[in-house]
């Protein structure tokens, strides 16, 4: 026989009381029809909300569904009587589907990489948050009962996200002090343990800096059965949470909002630092340039960028990086199919993008590229001139045609793009130009023979230096990136195998560059954080040019 539903949240109590009132109204003929009608409408609205939220929230994963089923079917009374748990744990305490999705969403939107959970119960909340973490994310769950760790571990093991979870058993305050002593910090901290100790956990978290400066604290049960605001309540846990909510509300160090999700979830974050009178902490180092943190200064929100040669390789990686940082990105390539494919990739990630076909060795084609971008987005803030070619040959065998083609794209084409985009940037008094040069502009890579390529890339460096000094006083910074040998599918061909081994012997880092090794550099050079840098050649080659 299924146990009768026990009300646990404010909404469930409202539904229970409305249902009782409706029964009374039905049983008494003298009750006005309008009253019965309004009671029924209120009951319909209240009783339908939870099920509607369940239905419209994204579905839970199979491991979460299994953990929920396992928790609901478990005999917690027997576990307590057999001494497996210190308390008789009510199954109603489990974090449910909607709350789990809220926690997962908070982890994702906050960009959290490290999460701390205080009070795990059977791990539904822990696994929900772990699903929102990146692959290298980590969640530490502090749980008093070793039995609960054993209960949840098989389900954790069945999930691809379970490996992110580490469960520390024992008193929560002891675990918190150990984490603090080890210098641990977390992006999200979720408190769901003994209610009377919430204030102690909160105090220790802030005073021992367990929370990262831009992190958030989430507190479960902060509306505890409505007893936190009912004036005649004498519920011990409710009174403890009422005092906790009041204390946090009056704490000038933080900001708080309570979300009415099931029994309430508080979201707490540090308030912006104040400017104390007579304090030295009034400068931009403390408060940030224009109030922005270092990471905020790397954002490219509202900026318009283009990347040439963006249909593959380094250019594709640059396009993704600039888009992820907030820019609108024009994907420029000679091959329209490749440009379209990358633009579609960006669109799948929610990045505003457009594909543009252009031959950068031809001035009219470059001008058409610029005109198309300006027609779509109004201007250009970031020009990433990356397209290039390389045709190897011994110097004595290098034809003028090979020389002209190489210089036509690598140096002449880069100049044409700089000039066309630069005119727009100079007119608006702001712009960032990033050219792709090469380690080959600094040293002579060997044993391959590539005179035209080496000379053209050295020219890109000098072009960058010259434009960087000419244009900085008019608001335009010009810099370049010189990658080392980049790992591409072509490099893994059988005929290049011996050559790769020779290259590796020349690289102190012991590996070839990945395109992802270059992404942060292009974002930095495109952002306001690099405003004092111009004419610089940023070399990223694993140390190869140092030998």
Protein backbone atom coordinates (compact mmCIF):
# COMPACT_ATOMS: atom_id res chain seq x y z
CA UNK A 1 0.00 0.00 0.00
CA UNK A 2 1.43 3.37 -1.04
CA UNK A 3 2.14 5.75 1.84
CA UNK A 4 0.01 8.87 2.05
CA UNK A 5 1.68 11.96 0.61
CA UNK A 6 3.16 14.15 3.36
CA UNK A 7 3.23 17.89 2.68
CA UNK A 8 6.74 19.32 2.89
CA UNK A 9 6.85 22.59 0.94
CA UNK A 10 4.82 25.80 1.27
CA UNK A 11 2.99 25.01 -1.96
CA UNK A 12 2.16 21.46 -0.86
CA UNK A 13 0.69 22.84 2.38
CA UNK A 14 -1.35 25.37 0.39
CA UNK A 15 -2.69 22.56 -1.78
CA UNK A 16 -3.48 20.46 1.30
CA UNK A 17 -5.35 23.30 3.05
CA UNK A 18 -7.21 24.32 -0.11
CA UNK A 19 -8.30 20.71 -0.65
CA UNK A 20 -9.61 20.53 2.93
CA UNK A 21 -11.40 23.86 2.51
CA UNK A 22 -12.92 22.66 -0.76
CA UNK A 23 -14.20 19.49 0.92
CA UNK A 24 -15.84 21.55 3.66
CA UNK A 25 -17.39 23.82 1.04
CA UNK A 26 -18.81 20.84 -0.86
CA UNK A 27 -20.19 19.26 2.33
CA UNK A 28 -22.06 22.42 3.37
CA UNK A 29 -24.90 23.36 1.02
CA UNK A 30 -25.06 26.86 2.50
CA UNK A 31 -21.61 27.83 1.15
CA UNK A 32 -22.06 30.33 -1.72
CA UNK A 33 -21.34 28.93 -5.17
CA UNK A 34 -18.92 31.80 -5.86
CA UNK A 35 -16.81 30.75 -2.87
CA UNK A 36 -16.74 27.12 -4.01
CA UNK A 37 -15.84 28.22 -7.55
CA UNK A 38 -12.99 30.45 -6.38
CA UNK A 39 -11.67 27.80 -4.03
CA UNK A 40 -11.64 25.30 -6.89
CA UNK A 41 -9.79 27.73 -9.16
CA UNK A 42 -7.19 28.39 -6.47
CA UNK A 43 -6.80 24.65 -5.86
CA UNK A 44 -6.42 23.97 -9.59
CA UNK A 45 -3.67 26.60 -9.92
CA UNK A 46 -1.80 25.49 -6.80
CA UNK A 47 -2.09 21.74 -7.36
CA UNK A 48 -1.05 21.92 -10.99
CA UNK A 49 2.11 23.98 -10.59
CA UNK A 50 4.57 21.32 -9.37
CA UNK A 51 3.51 18.78 -11.98
CA UNK A 52 3.71 21.41 -14.72
CA UNK A 53 7.25 22.37 -13.65
CA UNK A 54 8.20 18.70 -13.68
CA UNK A 55 6.71 18.26 -17.15
CA UNK A 56 8.33 21.35 -18.71
CA UNK A 57 11.79 21.14 -17.12
CA UNK A 58 14.45 19.31 -19.11
CA UNK A 59 14.29 15.58 -18.36
CA UNK A 60 16.58 14.11 -15.77
CA UNK A 61 19.29 11.68 -16.79
CA UNK A 62 18.86 7.93 -16.36
CA UNK A 63 21.30 7.76 -13.39
CA UNK A 64 19.39 10.57 -11.65
CA UNK A 65 16.09 8.79 -12.26
CA UNK A 66 17.60 5.59 -10.86
CA UNK A 67 18.91 7.41 -7.78
CA UNK A 68 15.49 8.98 -7.16
CA UNK A 69 13.72 5.62 -7.51
CA UNK A 70 16.24 3.93 -5.25
CA UNK A 71 15.83 6.62 -2.59
CA UNK A 72 12.01 6.56 -2.63
CA UNK A 73 11.85 2.76 -2.44
CA UNK A 74 14.45 2.43 0.32
CA UNK A 75 13.32 1.61 3.88
CA UNK A 76 14.97 4.47 5.78
CA UNK A 77 13.19 3.57 9.01
CA UNK A 78 14.79 0.13 8.94
CA UNK A 79 18.20 1.61 8.12
CA UNK A 80 17.93 3.80 11.20
CA UNK A 81 16.75 0.97 13.43
CA UNK A 82 19.67 -1.17 12.27
CA UNK A 83 22.08 1.60 13.23
CA UNK A 84 23.16 2.36 9.66
CA UNK A 85 22.16 6.01 9.99
CA UNK A 86 22.32 8.36 12.97
CA UNK A 87 18.88 9.79 12.16
CA UNK A 88 15.70 8.55 10.60
CA UNK A 89 15.96 10.23 7.21
CA UNK A 90 12.68 11.22 5.53
CA UNK A 91 12.67 10.38 1.83
CA UNK A 92 10.92 13.73 1.24
CA UNK A 93 14.33 15.35 1.83
CA UNK A 94 15.62 14.18 -1.54
CA UNK A 95 16.42 16.89 -4.06
CA UNK A 96 13.86 16.34 -6.79
CA UNK A 97 13.81 16.70 -10.54
CA UNK A 98 13.04 20.44 -10.76
CA UNK A 99 15.38 21.45 -7.96
CA UNK A 100 18.10 19.26 -9.46
CA UNK A 101 17.71 21.01 -12.81
CA UNK A 102 17.87 24.42 -11.09
CA UNK A 103 21.13 23.49 -9.36
CA UNK A 104 22.55 22.09 -12.59
CA UNK A 105 21.58 25.31 -14.39
CA UNK A 106 23.17 27.51 -11.71
CA UNK A 107 26.40 25.54 -12.00
CA UNK A 108 26.39 25.91 -15.78
CA UNK A 109 25.48 29.61 -16.03
CA UNK A 110 28.01 30.53 -13.34
CA UNK A 111 30.76 28.73 -15.27
CA UNK A 112 31.63 26.78 -12.12
CA UNK A 113 34.50 24.33 -12.17
CA UNK A 114 34.59 23.43 -8.47
CA UNK A 115 31.51 22.79 -6.33
CA UNK A 116 31.17 22.07 -2.62
CA UNK A 117 28.04 20.40 -1.23
CA UNK A 118 27.41 20.41 2.51
CA UNK A 119 24.93 17.63 3.26
CA UNK A 120 24.49 15.09 0.47
CA UNK A 121 21.65 12.79 1.62
CA UNK A 122 21.52 10.26 -1.24
CA UNK A 123 23.45 12.33 -3.80
CA UNK A 124 20.71 13.48 -6.21
CA UNK A 125 21.78 17.12 -5.86
CA UNK A 126 25.46 16.21 -6.08
CA UNK A 127 25.00 14.26 -9.30
CA UNK A 128 22.75 16.99 -10.76
CA UNK A 129 25.46 19.60 -10.18
CA UNK A 130 28.20 17.27 -11.42
CA UNK A 131 26.31 16.97 -14.71
CA UNK A 132 26.61 20.76 -15.06
CA UNK A 133 30.38 20.78 -14.52
CA UNK A 134 32.91 20.66 -17.36
CA UNK A 135 34.87 17.46 -17.92
CA UNK A 136 37.67 18.56 -15.58
CA UNK A 137 35.24 19.87 -12.94
CA UNK A 138 35.21 18.59 -9.38
CA UNK A 139 32.52 18.33 -6.71
CA UNK A 140 33.27 17.66 -3.06
CA UNK A 141 30.28 16.42 -1.05
CA UNK A 142 30.48 16.55 2.76
CA UNK A 143 28.23 13.92 4.30
CA UNK A 144 27.98 12.84 7.94
CA UNK A 145 26.77 9.31 7.23
CA UNK A 146 29.18 6.78 5.62
CA UNK A 147 26.09 4.68 4.80
CA UNK A 148 24.86 7.39 2.42
CA UNK A 149 28.16 7.38 0.54
CA UNK A 150 27.84 3.61 0.10
CA UNK A 151 24.21 4.05 -0.97
CA UNK A 152 24.99 6.59 -3.70
CA UNK A 153 28.33 5.29 -4.99
CA UNK A 154 26.98 2.56 -7.32
CA UNK A 155 24.81 5.13 -9.10
CA UNK A 156 27.70 7.61 -9.25
CA UNK A 157 29.80 4.85 -10.82
CA UNK A 158 27.14 4.23 -13.47
CA UNK A 159 27.15 7.89 -14.54
CA UNK A 160 29.82 9.45 -16.80
CA UNK A 161 29.77 12.39 -14.37
CA UNK A 162 30.14 10.40 -11.17
CA UNK A 163 33.93 10.47 -11.38
CA UNK A 164 33.78 14.22 -10.72
CA UNK A 165 32.34 13.58 -7.24
CA UNK A 166 34.42 13.03 -4.10
CA UNK A 167 32.52 12.29 -0.87
CA UNK A 168 34.09 13.31 2.46
CA UNK A 169 32.39 11.62 5.40
CA UNK A 170 32.31 12.92 8.94
CA UNK A 171 31.13 16.11 10.65
CA UNK A 172 30.67 18.88 8.10
CA UNK A 173 32.46 21.55 10.15
CA UNK A 174 35.51 19.33 10.41
CA UNK A 175 35.50 18.73 6.64
CA UNK A 176 35.11 22.45 5.95
CA UNK A 177 38.02 23.34 8.20
CA UNK A 178 40.19 20.72 6.47
CA UNK A 179 39.30 22.12 3.05
CA UNK A 180 40.01 25.67 4.23
CA UNK A 181 43.35 24.66 5.74
CA UNK A 182 44.30 23.12 2.39
CA UNK A 183 43.55 26.41 0.64
CA UNK A 184 40.60 25.02 -1.32
CA UNK A 185 38.13 27.43 -2.97
CA UNK A 186 34.86 26.76 -4.74
CA UNK A 187 32.75 28.48 -7.38
CA UNK A 188 29.44 27.15 -6.02
CA UNK A 189 28.74 26.02 -2.45
CA UNK A 190 25.42 24.26 -1.76
CA UNK A 191 24.28 24.03 1.88
CA UNK A 192 21.72 21.33 2.68
CA UNK A 193 22.54 19.86 6.08
CA UNK A 194 21.42 20.40 9.68
CA UNK A 195 19.44 23.65 9.70
CA UNK A 196 20.68 24.93 13.07
CA UNK A 197 24.25 24.96 11.75
CA UNK A 198 23.56 26.84 8.51
CA UNK A 199 24.80 30.09 10.05
CA UNK A 200 28.00 28.42 11.24
CA UNK A 201 28.72 26.95 7.80
CA UNK A 202 28.00 30.32 6.18
CA UNK A 203 30.28 32.18 8.60
CA UNK A 204 33.15 29.76 8.13
CA UNK A 205 32.78 29.83 4.33
CA UNK A 206 33.13 33.62 4.21
CA UNK A 207 35.72 34.05 6.93
CA UNK A 208 38.00 31.27 5.63
CA UNK A 209 37.52 32.25 1.95
CA UNK A 210 36.21 28.88 0.85
CA UNK A 211 34.09 30.78 -1.71
CA UNK A 212 35.85 32.26 -4.71
CA UNK A 213 35.48 36.05 -5.09
CA UNK A 214 32.90 35.66 -7.87
CA UNK A 215 31.31 32.48 -6.50
CA UNK A 216 27.79 31.83 -5.19
CA UNK A 217 26.36 30.10 -2.14
CA UNK A 218 23.10 28.18 -2.62
CA UNK A 219 21.09 27.34 0.48
CA UNK A 220 18.33 24.72 0.45
CA UNK A 221 15.12 24.78 2.51
CA UNK A 222 15.28 28.54 3.12
CA UNK A 223 11.45 28.75 3.01
CA UNK A 224 11.15 25.71 5.30
CA UNK A 225 7.48 24.67 5.16
CA UNK A 226 6.52 28.35 5.30
CA UNK A 227 7.53 28.45 8.96
CA UNK A 228 10.19 31.10 8.26
CA UNK A 229 7.49 33.71 7.67
CA UNK A 230 4.44 32.39 9.54
CA UNK A 231 4.21 34.59 12.68
CA UNK A 232 2.90 31.86 15.00
CA UNK A 233 5.40 29.17 14.00
CA UNK A 234 7.41 27.49 16.73
CA UNK A 235 9.17 24.95 14.48
CA UNK A 236 12.79 24.74 15.62
CA UNK A 237 14.27 24.34 12.14
CA UNK A 238 11.98 27.03 10.76
CA UNK A 239 13.06 29.50 13.44
CA UNK A 240 16.73 28.69 12.79
CA UNK A 241 16.25 29.34 9.08
CA UNK A 242 14.29 32.53 9.78
CA UNK A 243 17.28 33.81 11.77
CA UNK A 244 19.68 32.64 9.06
CA UNK A 245 17.75 34.48 6.32
CA UNK A 246 17.64 37.64 8.44
CA UNK A 247 21.36 37.47 9.21
CA UNK A 248 22.30 37.06 5.56
CA UNK A 249 19.91 39.86 4.55
CA UNK A 250 21.65 42.24 6.97
CA UNK A 251 25.20 41.14 6.10
CA UNK A 252 26.76 43.99 4.05
CA UNK A 253 29.31 41.57 2.56
CA UNK A 254 26.73 39.76 0.44
CA UNK A 255 23.61 40.01 -1.73
CA UNK A 256 20.79 37.48 -1.44
CA UNK A 257 17.66 36.39 -3.29
CA UNK A 258 15.38 33.47 -2.35
CA UNK A 259 13.91 31.44 -5.20
CA UNK A 260 10.56 29.78 -4.31
CA UNK A 261 11.62 26.42 -5.78
CA UNK A 262 10.02 23.68 -3.68
CA UNK A 263 11.13 24.52 -0.11
CA UNK A 264 13.17 27.54 -1.20
CA UNK A 265 16.70 28.01 -2.56
CA UNK A 266 18.69 31.06 -1.48
CA UNK A 267 21.29 32.36 -3.91
CA UNK A 268 23.99 34.41 -2.19
CA UNK A 269 27.01 36.17 -3.67
CA UNK A 270 29.53 38.69 -2.42
CA UNK A 271 28.45 42.32 -2.76
CA UNK A 272 30.71 44.69 -4.70
CA UNK A 273 33.44 46.02 -2.37
CA UNK A 274 32.73 49.38 -0.79
CA UNK A 275 35.15 52.32 -0.75
CA UNK A 276 36.07 52.82 2.90
CA UNK A 277 37.08 56.36 3.88
CA UNK A 278 40.83 56.83 4.15
CA UNK A 279 41.53 53.40 2.74
CA UNK A 280 44.22 52.88 0.10
CA UNK A 281 42.03 50.42 -1.80
CA UNK A 282 40.50 53.04 -4.09
CA UNK A 283 42.47 52.50 -7.28
CA UNK A 284 41.84 50.43 -10.40
CA UNK A 285 43.94 47.56 -9.11
CA UNK A 286 41.38 47.05 -6.35
CA UNK A 287 38.17 48.03 -8.14
CA UNK A 288 39.16 47.15 -11.71
CA UNK A 289 39.52 49.32 -14.80
CA UNK A 290 36.11 50.96 -15.24
CA UNK A 291 34.92 48.63 -12.50
CA UNK A 292 35.71 45.50 -14.54
CA UNK A 293 37.59 42.50 -13.22
CA UNK A 294 40.50 41.12 -15.23
CA UNK A 295 38.33 38.38 -16.71
CA UNK A 296 35.60 40.91 -17.60
CA UNK A 297 38.20 42.99 -19.45
CA UNK A 298 38.85 39.99 -21.68
CA UNK A 299 35.20 39.92 -22.77
CA UNK A 300 34.44 40.98 -26.35
CA UNK A 301 30.70 41.56 -25.98
CA UNK A 302 29.31 43.83 -28.70
CA UNK A 303 32.49 43.68 -30.79
CA UNK A 304 32.53 42.76 -34.48
CA UNK A 305 35.40 40.55 -35.65
CA UNK A 306 36.51 38.81 -38.81
CA UNK A 307 38.98 35.96 -39.22
CA UNK A 308 40.55 35.15 -42.59
CA UNK A 309 41.47 31.57 -43.37
CA UNK A 310 38.83 30.61 -40.80
CA UNK A 311 37.55 27.56 -42.63
CA UNK A 312 40.03 25.26 -40.89
CA UNK A 313 43.02 24.97 -38.58
CA UNK A 314 44.22 28.03 -36.68
CA UNK A 315 41.63 30.34 -38.23
CA UNK A 316 38.76 28.09 -37.18
CA UNK A 317 40.14 28.00 -33.62
CA UNK A 318 40.45 31.80 -33.60
CA UNK A 319 36.87 32.20 -34.81
CA UNK A 320 35.57 29.97 -32.02
CA UNK A 321 37.68 31.74 -29.39
CA UNK A 322 36.56 35.25 -30.38
CA UNK A 323 32.94 34.11 -30.52
CA UNK A 324 33.10 32.41 -27.13
CA UNK A 325 34.46 35.67 -25.70
CA UNK A 326 31.36 37.47 -26.96
CA UNK A 327 32.22 38.83 -30.40
CA UNK A 328 30.16 38.56 -33.57
CA UNK A 329 32.37 36.71 -36.03
CA UNK A 330 32.65 36.85 -39.80
CA UNK A 331 34.18 33.57 -40.95
CA UNK A 332 36.24 34.43 -44.04
CA UNK A 333 37.71 31.80 -46.36
CA UNK A 334 38.49 31.25 -50.03
CA UNK A 335 36.41 28.06 -49.84
CA UNK A 336 32.79 29.04 -49.28
CA UNK A 337 31.81 25.56 -48.08
CA UNK A 338 34.44 25.60 -45.34
CA UNK A 339 33.40 29.11 -44.27
CA UNK A 340 29.74 28.08 -44.10
CA UNK A 341 30.56 24.98 -42.07
CA UNK A 342 32.46 26.95 -39.42
CA UNK A 343 29.79 29.66 -39.31
CA UNK A 344 27.23 26.92 -38.65
CA UNK A 345 29.42 25.53 -35.87
CA UNK A 346 29.46 28.94 -34.21
CA UNK A 347 25.70 29.30 -34.60
CA UNK A 348 25.20 25.98 -32.79
CA UNK A 349 26.99 27.54 -29.81
CA UNK A 350 24.76 30.64 -29.92
CA UNK A 351 27.45 32.85 -31.48
CA UNK A 352 26.37 35.43 -34.04
CA UNK A 353 28.28 34.57 -37.18
CA UNK A 354 28.30 34.94 -40.93
CA UNK A 355 30.27 33.27 -43.72
CA UNK A 356 32.16 35.47 -46.20
CA UNK A 357 34.06 34.24 -49.26
CA UNK A 358 37.16 36.25 -50.15
CA UNK A 359 40.54 35.97 -51.86
CA UNK A 360 42.75 38.15 -49.67
CA UNK A 361 45.39 38.51 -52.40
CA UNK A 362 42.94 40.64 -54.40
CA UNK A 363 42.13 44.18 -53.18
CA UNK A 364 38.62 44.20 -54.63
CA UNK A 365 37.80 40.91 -52.92
CA UNK A 366 39.08 42.20 -49.57
CA UNK A 367 37.09 45.40 -49.94
CA UNK A 368 34.01 43.32 -50.72
CA UNK A 369 34.65 41.32 -47.52
CA UNK A 370 34.89 44.50 -45.45
CA UNK A 371 31.81 46.02 -47.08
CA UNK A 372 29.77 42.87 -46.44
CA UNK A 373 30.70 42.84 -42.73
CA UNK A 374 29.97 46.56 -42.30
CA UNK A 375 26.65 46.18 -44.14
CA UNK A 376 25.64 43.38 -41.75
CA UNK A 377 26.94 44.66 -38.41
CA UNK A 378 27.76 48.35 -38.96
CA UNK A 379 31.51 48.32 -38.30
CA UNK A 380 34.61 46.23 -37.59
CA UNK A 381 36.38 46.27 -34.22
CA UNK A 382 38.69 43.25 -34.58
CA UNK A 383 40.56 42.15 -37.68
CA UNK A 384 42.26 38.76 -37.47
CA UNK A 385 44.40 38.32 -40.59
CA UNK A 386 45.28 34.66 -40.46
CA UNK A 387 45.10 33.28 -44.03
CA UNK A 388 48.40 32.01 -45.41
CA UNK A 389 50.03 29.42 -47.67
CA UNK A 390 53.30 27.48 -47.65
CA UNK A 391 54.96 25.81 -50.65
CA UNK A 392 58.24 24.15 -49.76
CA UNK A 393 61.16 24.10 -52.15
CA UNK A 394 64.94 24.46 -52.06
CA UNK A 395 65.99 28.08 -52.50
CA UNK A 396 67.80 27.41 -55.79
CA UNK A 397 64.64 25.79 -57.13
CA UNK A 398 62.11 28.36 -55.86
CA UNK A 399 60.31 29.81 -58.86
CA UNK A 400 59.18 33.41 -59.10
CA UNK A 401 55.64 32.10 -59.41
CA UNK A 402 55.97 30.30 -56.06
CA UNK A 403 57.60 33.38 -54.54
CA UNK A 404 54.88 35.69 -55.86
CA UNK A 405 52.03 33.41 -54.76
CA UNK A 406 53.47 33.06 -51.26
CA UNK A 407 54.08 36.78 -50.83
CA UNK A 408 50.77 37.58 -52.54
CA UNK A 409 48.82 35.83 -49.79
CA UNK A 410 51.09 35.94 -46.75
CA UNK A 411 52.43 39.50 -46.92
CA UNK A 412 50.59 41.42 -49.63
CA UNK A 413 47.24 39.92 -48.60
CA UNK A 414 47.86 40.69 -44.92
CA UNK A 415 48.73 44.29 -45.84
CA UNK A 416 45.59 44.67 -47.97
CA UNK A 417 43.43 43.41 -45.09
CA UNK A 418 45.19 45.64 -42.54
CA UNK A 419 44.70 48.66 -44.76
CA UNK A 420 41.04 48.00 -45.59
CA UNK A 421 40.00 47.24 -42.01
CA UNK A 422 42.39 49.86 -40.63
CA UNK A 423 40.64 52.68 -42.49
CA UNK A 424 37.38 51.84 -40.68
CA UNK A 425 39.11 51.50 -37.33
CA UNK A 426 41.06 54.77 -37.71
CA UNK A 427 37.87 56.58 -38.61
CA UNK A 428 36.12 55.33 -35.47
CA UNK A 429 39.18 55.77 -33.26
CA UNK A 430 39.30 52.16 -32.10
CA UNK A 431 40.42 48.80 -33.42
CA UNK A 432 42.44 45.67 -32.80
CA UNK A 433 44.34 43.97 -35.63
CA UNK A 434 45.97 40.59 -35.03
CA UNK A 435 48.11 39.13 -37.80
CA UNK A 436 49.27 35.53 -37.93
CA UNK A 437 53.01 35.50 -38.49
CA UNK A 438 55.19 32.47 -37.68
CA UNK A 439 58.15 31.26 -35.71
CA UNK A 440 59.69 31.00 -39.19
CA UNK A 441 59.95 34.77 -39.19
CA UNK A 442 62.43 34.54 -36.30
CA UNK A 443 64.46 31.40 -37.01
CA UNK A 444 65.01 29.11 -39.98
CA UNK A 445 62.99 25.95 -39.26
CA UNK A 446 64.65 22.80 -40.52
CA UNK A 447 65.17 20.45 -42.19
CA UNK A 448 62.34 21.57 -44.52
CA UNK A 449 63.28 24.23 -47.08
CA UNK A 450 60.80 27.12 -47.28
CA UNK A 451 62.57 30.35 -48.21
CA UNK A 452 59.52 32.17 -49.56
CA UNK A 453 57.41 31.28 -46.52
CA UNK A 454 60.12 32.29 -44.02
CA UNK A 455 60.75 35.61 -45.72
CA UNK A 456 57.06 36.42 -46.08
CA UNK A 457 56.37 35.75 -42.41
CA UNK A 458 59.34 37.89 -41.38
CA UNK A 459 57.70 40.60 -43.46
CA UNK A 460 54.44 40.14 -41.54
CA UNK A 461 56.31 40.80 -38.29
CA UNK A 462 57.87 44.02 -39.64
CA UNK A 463 54.53 45.07 -41.16
CA UNK A 464 52.92 44.59 -37.75
CA UNK A 465 55.62 46.57 -35.96
CA UNK A 466 55.36 49.47 -38.39
CA UNK A 467 51.57 49.71 -38.35
CA UNK A 468 51.57 49.24 -34.58
CA UNK A 469 53.66 52.35 -34.07
CA UNK A 470 51.90 54.43 -36.73
CA UNK A 471 48.34 53.78 -35.60
CA UNK A 472 48.37 53.46 -31.78
CA UNK A 473 47.93 57.19 -31.17
CA UNK A 474 44.76 56.99 -33.28
CA UNK A 475 43.26 54.16 -31.23
CA UNK A 476 44.28 51.17 -33.35
CA UNK A 477 46.61 48.48 -31.97
CA UNK A 478 48.32 46.08 -34.34
CA UNK A 479 50.00 42.92 -33.02
CA UNK A 480 50.85 39.48 -34.34
CA UNK A 481 51.04 35.90 -33.14
CA UNK A 482 53.87 33.63 -34.22
CA UNK A 483 52.91 29.99 -33.75
CA UNK A 484 55.36 27.14 -33.85
CA UNK A 485 54.66 23.97 -35.81
CA UNK A 486 50.96 23.23 -35.41
CA UNK A 487 49.56 19.72 -35.23
CA UNK A 488 47.28 19.12 -38.23
CA UNK A 489 45.94 15.94 -39.90
CA UNK A 490 48.42 16.44 -42.77
CA UNK A 491 51.36 16.23 -40.37
CA UNK A 492 50.37 12.68 -39.42
CA UNK A 493 50.79 11.40 -42.98
CA UNK A 494 53.26 8.56 -43.46
CA UNK A 495 55.74 10.57 -45.54
CA UNK A 496 56.01 13.30 -42.89
CA UNK A 497 56.58 10.88 -39.99
CA UNK A 498 60.40 11.19 -39.91
CA UNK A 499 60.14 14.98 -40.26
CA UNK A 500 57.79 15.20 -37.27
CA UNK A 501 60.27 13.29 -35.13
CA UNK A 502 63.00 15.75 -36.10
CA UNK A 503 60.77 18.70 -35.22
CA UNK A 504 59.91 17.20 -31.85
CA UNK A 505 63.60 16.88 -31.02
CA UNK A 506 63.91 20.66 -31.54
CA UNK A 507 60.99 21.63 -29.28
CA UNK A 508 61.70 21.96 -25.53
CA UNK A 509 57.99 21.42 -24.81
CA UNK A 510 58.29 17.98 -26.41
CA UNK A 511 55.15 18.27 -28.53
CA UNK A 512 53.69 20.15 -31.45
CA UNK A 513 51.37 23.11 -30.90
CA UNK A 514 47.63 22.51 -30.82
CA UNK A 515 45.36 25.17 -32.29
CA UNK A 516 43.80 25.47 -28.84
CA UNK A 517 47.19 26.61 -27.49
CA UNK A 518 46.71 29.82 -29.48
CA UNK A 519 43.11 30.70 -28.64
CA UNK A 520 43.65 32.64 -25.40
CA UNK A 521 46.31 34.76 -27.10
CA UNK A 522 43.99 35.99 -29.82
CA UNK A 523 41.30 36.86 -27.26
CA UNK A 524 43.82 38.80 -25.17
CA UNK A 525 45.10 40.77 -28.16
CA UNK A 526 41.52 41.48 -29.28
CA UNK A 527 40.41 42.70 -25.85
CA UNK A 528 40.77 45.89 -23.85
CA UNK A 529 43.20 44.06 -21.55
CA UNK A 530 45.94 44.48 -24.21
CA UNK A 531 45.38 48.19 -24.88
CA UNK A 532 48.99 49.10 -24.02
CA UNK A 533 50.44 46.51 -26.38
CA UNK A 534 51.15 47.33 -30.01
CA UNK A 535 53.62 46.18 -32.64
CA UNK A 536 54.27 43.08 -30.55
CA UNK A 537 55.06 39.62 -31.86
CA UNK A 538 53.61 37.09 -29.42
CA UNK A 539 55.60 33.89 -29.96
CA UNK A 540 53.91 30.61 -29.00
CA UNK A 541 56.17 27.77 -30.06
CA UNK A 542 56.95 25.62 -27.03
CA UNK A 543 60.41 27.17 -26.76
CA UNK A 544 61.64 26.05 -30.20
CA UNK A 545 62.94 29.47 -31.24
CA UNK A 546 65.12 29.65 -28.12
CA UNK A 547 67.53 27.00 -29.35
